[in-house]
């Protein structure tokens, strides 16, 4: 509830710091403020599955007039701040990253994007909700190219299939001529992946360990060249790296 007030404080501090530095540089006689109190914000659950770090508004810092609360929050998929009341305060939300939907009983609604600010005056009473947006992303890919995904962390879904796909899996994508890209939807806040795409070569490939040629005969010739130190392998038996023996 107080997280909106909190974000506003962060913005004010940033602006104040900028002008303090400018003033100090131009007038050396100006005295700097000092820290009079330090309060650690402890992460606690609030709302519906959200995690909030609150400082102003706790027993350690009940209020700092005119600031009533300072909440730094992180909201995972499925969590948020469903319908709850406010009265007698103005709340401000600054979105550091991601996006969140807002709706209140006065008929206002909208989406706050990264870098956006939402100001709500509660007045004599208002009910509102703030819920994160975890929208799927559509990544365009050249039609017909070979593409795959390697899931580094977390989990996701691909396309219209709701099957969860988890970390350490390589996902080979379809390559139909009517498909312009791939729809990706994260199922966890820590999801990371690598998406690779390249135009198919469509030529014969024979691979043996680190050697890749077009025919088995060429592979056999490669082994012979390596043993004899020729045709690209002239340094094969005389060169030693500085790091390879560590």
C-alpha atoms as a PDB file:
ATOM      1  CA  UNK A   1       0.000   0.000   0.000  1.00  0.00           C
ATOM      2  CA  UNK A   2       2.791   2.394   0.833  1.00  0.00           C
ATOM      3  CA  UNK A   3       5.038   1.339  -1.998  1.00  0.00           C
ATOM      4  CA  UNK A   4       3.821   4.188  -4.161  1.00  0.00           C
ATOM      5  CA  UNK A   5       4.902   6.735  -1.589  1.00  0.00           C
ATOM      6  CA  UNK A   6       8.218   4.914  -1.423  1.00  0.00           C
ATOM      7  CA  UNK A   7       8.996   5.175  -5.086  1.00  0.00           C
ATOM      8  CA  UNK A   8       8.316   8.892  -5.014  1.00  0.00           C
ATOM      9  CA  UNK A   9      10.897   9.257  -2.248  1.00  0.00           C
ATOM     10  CA  UNK A  10      13.495   7.527  -4.401  1.00  0.00           C
ATOM     11  CA  UNK A  11      12.827   9.977  -7.220  1.00  0.00           C
ATOM     12  CA  UNK A  12      13.060  12.966  -4.878  1.00  0.00           C
ATOM     13  CA  UNK A  13      16.337  11.752  -3.416  1.00  0.00           C
ATOM     14  CA  UNK A  14      17.822  11.410  -6.879  1.00  0.00           C
ATOM     15  CA  UNK A  15      16.851  14.938  -7.819  1.00  0.00           C
ATOM     16  CA  UNK A  16      18.011  16.343  -4.487  1.00  0.00           C
ATOM     17  CA  UNK A  17      21.399  14.668  -4.830  1.00  0.00           C
ATOM     18  CA  UNK A  18      21.902  16.136  -8.289  1.00  0.00           C
ATOM     19  CA  UNK A  19      21.185  19.695  -7.216  1.00  0.00           C
ATOM     20  CA  UNK A  20      23.193  19.340  -4.016  1.00  0.00           C
ATOM     21  CA  UNK A  21      26.233  18.330  -6.029  1.00  0.00           C
ATOM     22  CA  UNK A  22      25.760  21.209  -8.445  1.00  0.00           C
ATOM     23  CA  UNK A  23      25.431  23.686  -5.562  1.00  0.00           C
ATOM     24  CA  UNK A  24      28.449  22.288  -3.734  1.00  0.00           C
ATOM     25  CA  UNK A  25      30.589  22.586  -6.841  1.00  0.00           C
ATOM     26  CA  UNK A  26      29.659  26.237  -7.306  1.00  0.00           C
ATOM     27  CA  UNK A  27      29.642  27.300  -3.634  1.00  0.00           C
ATOM     28  CA  UNK A  28      32.210  25.503  -1.514  1.00  0.00           C
ATOM     29  CA  UNK A  29      30.890  27.170   1.657  1.00  0.00           C
ATOM     30  CA  UNK A  30      27.711  25.082   1.550  1.00  0.00           C
ATOM     31  CA  UNK A  31      27.549  22.362   4.237  1.00  0.00           C
ATOM     32  CA  UNK A  32      26.520  18.802   3.363  1.00  0.00           C
ATOM     33  CA  UNK A  33      23.806  16.993   5.263  1.00  0.00           C
ATOM     34  CA  UNK A  34      24.839  13.901   7.215  1.00  0.00           C
ATOM     35  CA  UNK A  35      23.124  10.579   7.960  1.00  0.00           C
ATOM     36  CA  UNK A  36      21.246  10.712  11.281  1.00  0.00           C
ATOM     37  CA  UNK A  37      19.598   7.292  11.133  1.00  0.00           C
ATOM     38  CA  UNK A  38      20.098   4.080   9.175  1.00  0.00           C
ATOM     39  CA  UNK A  39      17.313   1.511   8.784  1.00  0.00           C
ATOM     40  CA  UNK A  40      17.718  -1.807   6.975  1.00  0.00           C
ATOM     41  CA  UNK A  41      14.699  -2.828   4.885  1.00  0.00           C
ATOM     42  CA  UNK A  42      13.890  -6.476   5.649  1.00  0.00           C
ATOM     43  CA  UNK A  43      12.101  -8.522   2.990  1.00  0.00           C
ATOM     44  CA  UNK A  44       8.648  -9.649   4.159  1.00  0.00           C
ATOM     45  CA  UNK A  45       5.598 -11.108   2.366  1.00  0.00           C
ATOM     46  CA  UNK A  46       2.670  -8.817   1.652  1.00  0.00           C
ATOM     47  CA  UNK A  47      -0.370  -8.745  -0.594  1.00  0.00           C
ATOM     48  CA  UNK A  48      -0.788 -12.002  -2.489  1.00  0.00           C
ATOM     49  CA  UNK A  49       2.632 -13.586  -2.697  1.00  0.00           C
ATOM     50  CA  UNK A  50       4.566 -10.348  -3.154  1.00  0.00           C
ATOM     51  CA  UNK A  51       7.849  -9.641  -1.344  1.00  0.00           C
ATOM     52  CA  UNK A  52       8.292  -6.166   0.125  1.00  0.00           C
ATOM     53  CA  UNK A  53      11.259  -4.421   1.742  1.00  0.00           C
ATOM     54  CA  UNK A  54       9.803  -1.700   4.001  1.00  0.00           C
ATOM     55  CA  UNK A  55      11.691   0.872   6.039  1.00  0.00           C
ATOM     56  CA  UNK A  56       9.531   3.968   6.571  1.00  0.00           C
ATOM     57  CA  UNK A  57       6.361   2.710   8.220  1.00  0.00           C
ATOM     58  CA  UNK A  58       8.001   0.074  10.416  1.00  0.00           C
ATOM     59  CA  UNK A  59       8.634   0.217  14.160  1.00  0.00           C
ATOM     60  CA  UNK A  60      12.188   1.392  13.465  1.00  0.00           C
ATOM     61  CA  UNK A  61      10.983   4.375  11.427  1.00  0.00           C
ATOM     62  CA  UNK A  62       7.287   4.872  12.082  1.00  0.00           C
ATOM     63  CA  UNK A  63       6.973   7.910   9.846  1.00  0.00           C
ATOM     64  CA  UNK A  64       9.200  10.576   8.379  1.00  0.00           C
ATOM     65  CA  UNK A  65       6.819  13.429   7.808  1.00  0.00           C
ATOM     66  CA  UNK A  66       5.483  13.885   5.236  1.00  0.00           C
ATOM     67  CA  UNK A  67       6.533  10.375   4.143  1.00  0.00           C
ATOM     68  CA  UNK A  68       4.402   7.577   5.585  1.00  0.00           C
ATOM     69  CA  UNK A  69       5.807   4.448   3.940  1.00  0.00           C
ATOM     70  CA  UNK A  70       8.669   3.361   1.719  1.00  0.00           C
ATOM     71  CA  UNK A  71       8.282  -0.046   0.080  1.00  0.00           C
ATOM     72  CA  UNK A  72      10.703  -1.628  -2.354  1.00  0.00           C
ATOM     73  CA  UNK A  73       8.881  -4.605  -3.823  1.00  0.00           C
ATOM     74  CA  UNK A  74       9.441  -7.460  -6.227  1.00  0.00           C
ATOM     75  CA  UNK A  75       6.474  -9.360  -7.637  1.00  0.00           C
ATOM     76  CA  UNK A  76       6.719 -12.782  -9.255  1.00  0.00           C
ATOM     77  CA  UNK A  77       4.248 -14.329 -11.662  1.00  0.00           C
ATOM     78  CA  UNK A  78       0.890 -14.996 -10.004  1.00  0.00           C
ATOM     79  CA  UNK A  79       1.598 -12.585  -7.143  1.00  0.00           C
ATOM     80  CA  UNK A  80       0.602  -8.952  -6.642  1.00  0.00           C
ATOM     81  CA  UNK A  81      -1.558  -6.581  -4.641  1.00  0.00           C
ATOM     82  CA  UNK A  82      -5.232  -7.436  -5.229  1.00  0.00           C
ATOM     83  CA  UNK A  83      -8.126  -5.249  -4.038  1.00  0.00           C
ATOM     84  CA  UNK A  84      -7.233  -3.287  -0.885  1.00  0.00           C
ATOM     85  CA  UNK A  85      -8.286   0.080   0.636  1.00  0.00           C
ATOM     86  CA  UNK A  86      -6.541   3.425   1.189  1.00  0.00           C
ATOM     87  CA  UNK A  87      -7.642   6.600   2.972  1.00  0.00           C
ATOM     88  CA  UNK A  88      -6.009   9.917   3.846  1.00  0.00           C
ATOM     89  CA  UNK A  89      -2.856   9.587   1.793  1.00  0.00           C
ATOM     90  CA  UNK A  90      -1.415   9.960  -1.664  1.00  0.00           C
ATOM     91  CA  UNK A  91       0.386   6.958  -3.074  1.00  0.00           C
ATOM     92  CA  UNK A  92       3.005   6.976  -5.801  1.00  0.00           C
ATOM     93  CA  UNK A  93       4.408   4.000  -7.705  1.00  0.00           C
ATOM     94  CA  UNK A  94       7.607   4.252  -9.722  1.00  0.00           C
ATOM     95  CA  UNK A  95       8.239   1.205 -11.915  1.00  0.00           C
ATOM     96  CA  UNK A  96      11.931   0.308 -11.913  1.00  0.00           C
ATOM     97  CA  UNK A  97      11.490  -2.565 -14.361  1.00  0.00           C
ATOM     98  CA  UNK A  98       8.688  -4.606 -15.833  1.00  0.00           C
ATOM     99  CA  UNK A  99       5.107  -3.389 -15.927  1.00  0.00           C
ATOM    100  CA  UNK A 100       2.064  -3.404 -13.665  1.00  0.00           C
ATOM    101  CA  UNK A 101      -1.661  -2.883 -14.110  1.00  0.00           C
ATOM    102  CA  UNK A 102      -3.563  -0.460 -11.866  1.00  0.00           C
ATOM    103  CA  UNK A 103      -7.318  -0.239 -11.296  1.00  0.00           C
ATOM    104  CA  UNK A 104      -9.299   1.635  -8.643  1.00  0.00           C
ATOM    105  CA  UNK A 105     -12.893   2.112  -7.485  1.00  0.00           C
ATOM    106  CA  UNK A 106     -12.953   5.679  -8.862  1.00  0.00           C
ATOM    107  CA  UNK A 107     -12.911   4.244 -12.356  1.00  0.00           C
ATOM    108  CA  UNK A 108      -9.250   4.749 -13.201  1.00  0.00           C
ATOM    109  CA  UNK A 109      -7.197   1.998 -14.807  1.00  0.00           C
ATOM    110  CA  UNK A 110      -4.034   1.652 -16.809  1.00  0.00           C
ATOM    111  CA  UNK A 111      -0.632   0.032 -17.126  1.00  0.00           C
ATOM    112  CA  UNK A 112       2.603   1.387 -15.640  1.00  0.00           C
ATOM    113  CA  UNK A 113       5.629   0.569 -17.783  1.00  0.00           C
ATOM    114  CA  UNK A 114       9.331   0.654 -16.894  1.00  0.00           C
ATOM    115  CA  UNK A 115      10.270   4.201 -15.897  1.00  0.00           C
ATOM    116  CA  UNK A 116       6.618   5.195 -15.488  1.00  0.00           C
ATOM    117  CA  UNK A 117       4.988   6.858 -12.469  1.00  0.00           C
ATOM    118  CA  UNK A 118       1.444   6.415 -11.156  1.00  0.00           C
ATOM    119  CA  UNK A 119       0.040   8.890  -8.587  1.00  0.00           C
ATOM    120  CA  UNK A 120      -3.167   8.103  -6.705  1.00  0.00           C
ATOM    121  CA  UNK A 121      -4.912  10.408  -4.212  1.00  0.00           C
ATOM    122  CA  UNK A 122      -6.912   8.243  -1.808  1.00  0.00           C
ATOM    123  CA  UNK A 123      -8.866  11.143  -0.255  1.00  0.00           C
ATOM    124  CA  UNK A 124     -11.681   9.936   1.985  1.00  0.00           C
ATOM    125  CA  UNK A 125     -11.415   6.415   0.677  1.00  0.00           C
ATOM    126  CA  UNK A 126     -10.604   4.320  -2.357  1.00  0.00           C
ATOM    127  CA  UNK A 127     -10.180   0.637  -3.246  1.00  0.00           C
ATOM    128  CA  UNK A 128      -7.538  -0.331  -5.772  1.00  0.00           C
ATOM    129  CA  UNK A 129      -5.397  -3.173  -7.055  1.00  0.00           C
ATOM    130  CA  UNK A 130      -1.965  -3.441  -8.608  1.00  0.00           C
ATOM    131  CA  UNK A 131      -0.984  -6.614 -10.417  1.00  0.00           C
ATOM    132  CA  UNK A 132       2.156  -7.314 -12.459  1.00  0.00           C
ATOM    133  CA  UNK A 133       2.058  -7.946 -16.176  1.00  0.00           C
ATOM    134  CA  UNK A 134       3.896 -11.024 -17.386  1.00  0.00           C
ATOM    135  CA  UNK A 135       3.169 -10.771 -21.062  1.00  0.00           C
ATOM    136  CA  UNK A 136       4.580 -13.287 -23.505  1.00  0.00           C
ATOM    137  CA  UNK A 137       7.204 -12.048 -25.940  1.00  0.00           C
ATOM    138  CA  UNK A 138       7.157 -12.728 -29.667  1.00  0.00           C
ATOM    139  CA  UNK A 139      10.623 -13.001 -31.189  1.00  0.00           C
ATOM    140  CA  UNK A 140      10.717 -12.655 -34.954  1.00  0.00           C
ATOM    141  CA  UNK A 141      12.837 -15.199 -36.833  1.00  0.00           C
ATOM    142  CA  UNK A 142      13.627 -15.538 -40.541  1.00  0.00           C
ATOM    143  CA  UNK A 143      11.199 -17.997 -42.079  1.00  0.00           C
ATOM    144  CA  UNK A 144      12.700 -21.394 -42.793  1.00  0.00           C
ATOM    145  CA  UNK A 145      15.844 -20.871 -40.721  1.00  0.00           C
ATOM    146  CA  UNK A 146      16.949 -23.547 -38.272  1.00  0.00           C
ATOM    147  CA  UNK A 147      16.406 -22.353 -34.696  1.00  0.00           C
ATOM    148  CA  UNK A 148      16.757 -23.701 -31.209  1.00  0.00           C
ATOM    149  CA  UNK A 149      16.486 -22.546 -27.587  1.00  0.00           C
ATOM    150  CA  UNK A 150      18.721 -23.548 -24.706  1.00  0.00           C
ATOM    151  CA  UNK A 151      17.140 -22.882 -21.302  1.00  0.00           C
ATOM    152  CA  UNK A 152      19.801 -21.586 -18.906  1.00  0.00           C
ATOM    153  CA  UNK A 153      17.597 -20.953 -15.861  1.00  0.00           C
ATOM    154  CA  UNK A 154      13.955 -21.076 -14.829  1.00  0.00           C
ATOM    155  CA  UNK A 155      11.161 -22.347 -17.080  1.00  0.00           C
ATOM    156  CA  UNK A 156       8.960 -21.188 -19.927  1.00  0.00           C
ATOM    157  CA  UNK A 157       6.397 -22.177 -22.532  1.00  0.00           C
ATOM    158  CA  UNK A 158       6.893 -21.948 -26.288  1.00  0.00           C
ATOM    159  CA  UNK A 159       4.145 -21.195 -28.795  1.00  0.00           C
ATOM    160  CA  UNK A 160       0.612 -22.246 -27.886  1.00  0.00           C
ATOM    161  CA  UNK A 161       1.737 -25.362 -25.993  1.00  0.00           C
ATOM    162  CA  UNK A 162       1.280 -24.872 -22.224  1.00  0.00           C
ATOM    163  CA  UNK A 163       3.805 -27.596 -21.329  1.00  0.00           C
ATOM    164  CA  UNK A 164       6.483 -26.149 -18.968  1.00  0.00           C
ATOM    165  CA  UNK A 165      10.001 -26.393 -20.371  1.00  0.00           C
ATOM    166  CA  UNK A 166      12.767 -26.343 -17.791  1.00  0.00           C
ATOM    167  CA  UNK A 167      16.434 -25.445 -17.413  1.00  0.00           C
ATOM    168  CA  UNK A 168      19.216 -27.312 -19.262  1.00  0.00           C
ATOM    169  CA  UNK A 169      16.933 -28.450 -22.098  1.00  0.00           C
ATOM    170  CA  UNK A 170      17.672 -27.753 -25.762  1.00  0.00           C
ATOM    171  CA  UNK A 171      14.442 -27.011 -27.624  1.00  0.00           C
ATOM    172  CA  UNK A 172      14.502 -27.457 -31.401  1.00  0.00           C
ATOM    173  CA  UNK A 173      11.925 -25.189 -33.043  1.00  0.00           C
ATOM    174  CA  UNK A 174       9.703 -25.915 -36.034  1.00  0.00           C
ATOM    175  CA  UNK A 175      10.614 -24.199 -39.315  1.00  0.00           C
ATOM    176  CA  UNK A 176       7.436 -24.018 -41.367  1.00  0.00           C
ATOM    177  CA  UNK A 177       7.292 -21.357 -44.067  1.00  0.00           C
ATOM    178  CA  UNK A 178       4.194 -19.795 -42.470  1.00  0.00           C
ATOM    179  CA  UNK A 179       5.866 -19.224 -39.092  1.00  0.00           C
ATOM    180  CA  UNK A 180       7.378 -15.750 -38.650  1.00  0.00           C
ATOM    181  CA  UNK A 181       8.829 -16.186 -35.176  1.00  0.00           C
ATOM    182  CA  UNK A 182       8.397 -17.787 -31.776  1.00  0.00           C
ATOM    183  CA  UNK A 183       6.141 -16.902 -28.836  1.00  0.00           C
ATOM    184  CA  UNK A 184       7.949 -17.176 -25.477  1.00  0.00           C
ATOM    185  CA  UNK A 185       6.330 -16.924 -22.044  1.00  0.00           C
ATOM    186  CA  UNK A 186       8.386 -17.041 -18.852  1.00  0.00           C
ATOM    187  CA  UNK A 187       7.012 -19.121 -15.976  1.00  0.00           C
ATOM    188  CA  UNK A 188       9.500 -17.904 -13.371  1.00  0.00           C
ATOM    189  CA  UNK A 189      11.164 -14.532 -12.661  1.00  0.00           C
ATOM    190  CA  UNK A 190      14.692 -15.896 -13.104  1.00  0.00           C
ATOM    191  CA  UNK A 191      14.186 -17.425 -16.552  1.00  0.00           C
ATOM    192  CA  UNK A 192      17.162 -17.032 -18.886  1.00  0.00           C
ATOM    193  CA  UNK A 193      17.621 -18.600 -22.294  1.00  0.00           C
ATOM    194  CA  UNK A 194      19.702 -18.530 -25.436  1.00  0.00           C
ATOM    195  CA  UNK A 195      17.902 -18.371 -28.771  1.00  0.00           C
ATOM    196  CA  UNK A 196      19.952 -19.209 -31.891  1.00  0.00           C
ATOM    197  CA  UNK A 197      18.907 -19.167 -35.537  1.00  0.00           C
ATOM    198  CA  UNK A 198      20.841 -19.631 -38.766  1.00  0.00           C
ATOM    199  CA  UNK A 199      20.173 -20.317 -42.428  1.00  0.00           C
ATOM    200  CA  UNK A 200      20.434 -24.055 -43.217  1.00  0.00           C
ATOM    201  CA  UNK A 201      23.436 -25.085 -45.326  1.00  0.00           C
ATOM    202  CA  UNK A 202      21.762 -28.222 -46.674  1.00  0.00           C
ATOM    203  CA  UNK A 203      24.937 -30.055 -47.709  1.00  0.00           C
ATOM    204  CA  UNK A 204      26.274 -33.480 -46.704  1.00  0.00           C
ATOM    205  CA  UNK A 205      27.893 -33.464 -43.268  1.00  0.00           C
ATOM    206  CA  UNK A 206      30.149 -36.107 -41.748  1.00  0.00           C
ATOM    207  CA  UNK A 207      31.328 -35.296 -38.233  1.00  0.00           C
ATOM    208  CA  UNK A 208      33.893 -37.221 -36.243  1.00  0.00           C
ATOM    209  CA  UNK A 209      34.817 -35.576 -32.937  1.00  0.00           C
ATOM    210  CA  UNK A 210      36.312 -32.149 -33.696  1.00  0.00           C
ATOM    211  CA  UNK A 211      36.478 -32.798 -37.457  1.00  0.00           C
ATOM    212  CA  UNK A 212      33.600 -31.924 -39.810  1.00  0.00           C
ATOM    213  CA  UNK A 213      33.760 -32.660 -43.528  1.00  0.00           C
ATOM    214  CA  UNK A 214      31.407 -33.615 -46.350  1.00  0.00           C
ATOM    215  CA  UNK A 215      32.391 -37.269 -46.809  1.00  0.00           C
ATOM    216  CA  UNK A 216      33.850 -40.143 -44.810  1.00  0.00           C
ATOM    217  CA  UNK A 217      36.868 -40.147 -47.115  1.00  0.00           C
ATOM    218  CA  UNK A 218      37.572 -36.524 -46.239  1.00  0.00           C
ATOM    219  CA  UNK A 219      37.412 -37.397 -42.546  1.00  0.00           C
ATOM    220  CA  UNK A 220      39.984 -40.161 -43.041  1.00  0.00           C
ATOM    221  CA  UNK A 221      42.193 -37.714 -44.951  1.00  0.00           C
ATOM    222  CA  UNK A 222      41.855 -35.234 -42.077  1.00  0.00           C
ATOM    223  CA  UNK A 223      43.163 -37.798 -39.595  1.00  0.00           C
ATOM    224  CA  UNK A 224      46.100 -38.505 -41.882  1.00  0.00           C
ATOM    225  CA  UNK A 225      46.850 -34.783 -42.302  1.00  0.00           C
ATOM    226  CA  UNK A 226      46.796 -34.306 -38.544  1.00  0.00           C
ATOM    227  CA  UNK A 227      49.160 -37.218 -37.917  1.00  0.00           C
ATOM    228  CA  UNK A 228      51.545 -36.018 -40.612  1.00  0.00           C
ATOM    229  CA  UNK A 229      51.320 -32.357 -39.662  1.00  0.00           C
ATOM    230  CA  UNK A 230      50.239 -30.934 -43.027  1.00  0.00           C
ATOM    231  CA  UNK A 231      47.369 -29.144 -44.827  1.00  0.00           C
ATOM    232  CA  UNK A 232      46.615 -26.803 -41.900  1.00  0.00           C
ATOM    233  CA  UNK A 233      48.128 -28.903 -39.126  1.00  0.00           C
ATOM    234  CA  UNK A 234      51.775 -27.895 -39.670  1.00  0.00           C
ATOM    235  CA  UNK A 235      52.144 -26.897 -36.000  1.00  0.00           C
ATOM    236  CA  UNK A 236      50.152 -29.823 -34.611  1.00  0.00           C
ATOM    237  CA  UNK A 237      53.148 -31.553 -33.009  1.00  0.00           C
ATOM    238  CA  UNK A 238      55.386 -28.595 -32.182  1.00  0.00           C
ATOM    239  CA  UNK A 239      53.077 -25.884 -30.850  1.00  0.00           C
ATOM    240  CA  UNK A 240      52.120 -25.831 -27.151  1.00  0.00           C
ATOM    241  CA  UNK A 241      49.769 -23.310 -25.583  1.00  0.00           C
ATOM    242  CA  UNK A 242      50.703 -21.424 -22.446  1.00  0.00           C
ATOM    243  CA  UNK A 243      47.408 -22.234 -20.755  1.00  0.00           C
ATOM    244  CA  UNK A 244      46.700 -25.805 -21.855  1.00  0.00           C
ATOM    245  CA  UNK A 245      48.982 -27.398 -19.293  1.00  0.00           C
ATOM    246  CA  UNK A 246      47.442 -25.642 -16.277  1.00  0.00           C
END
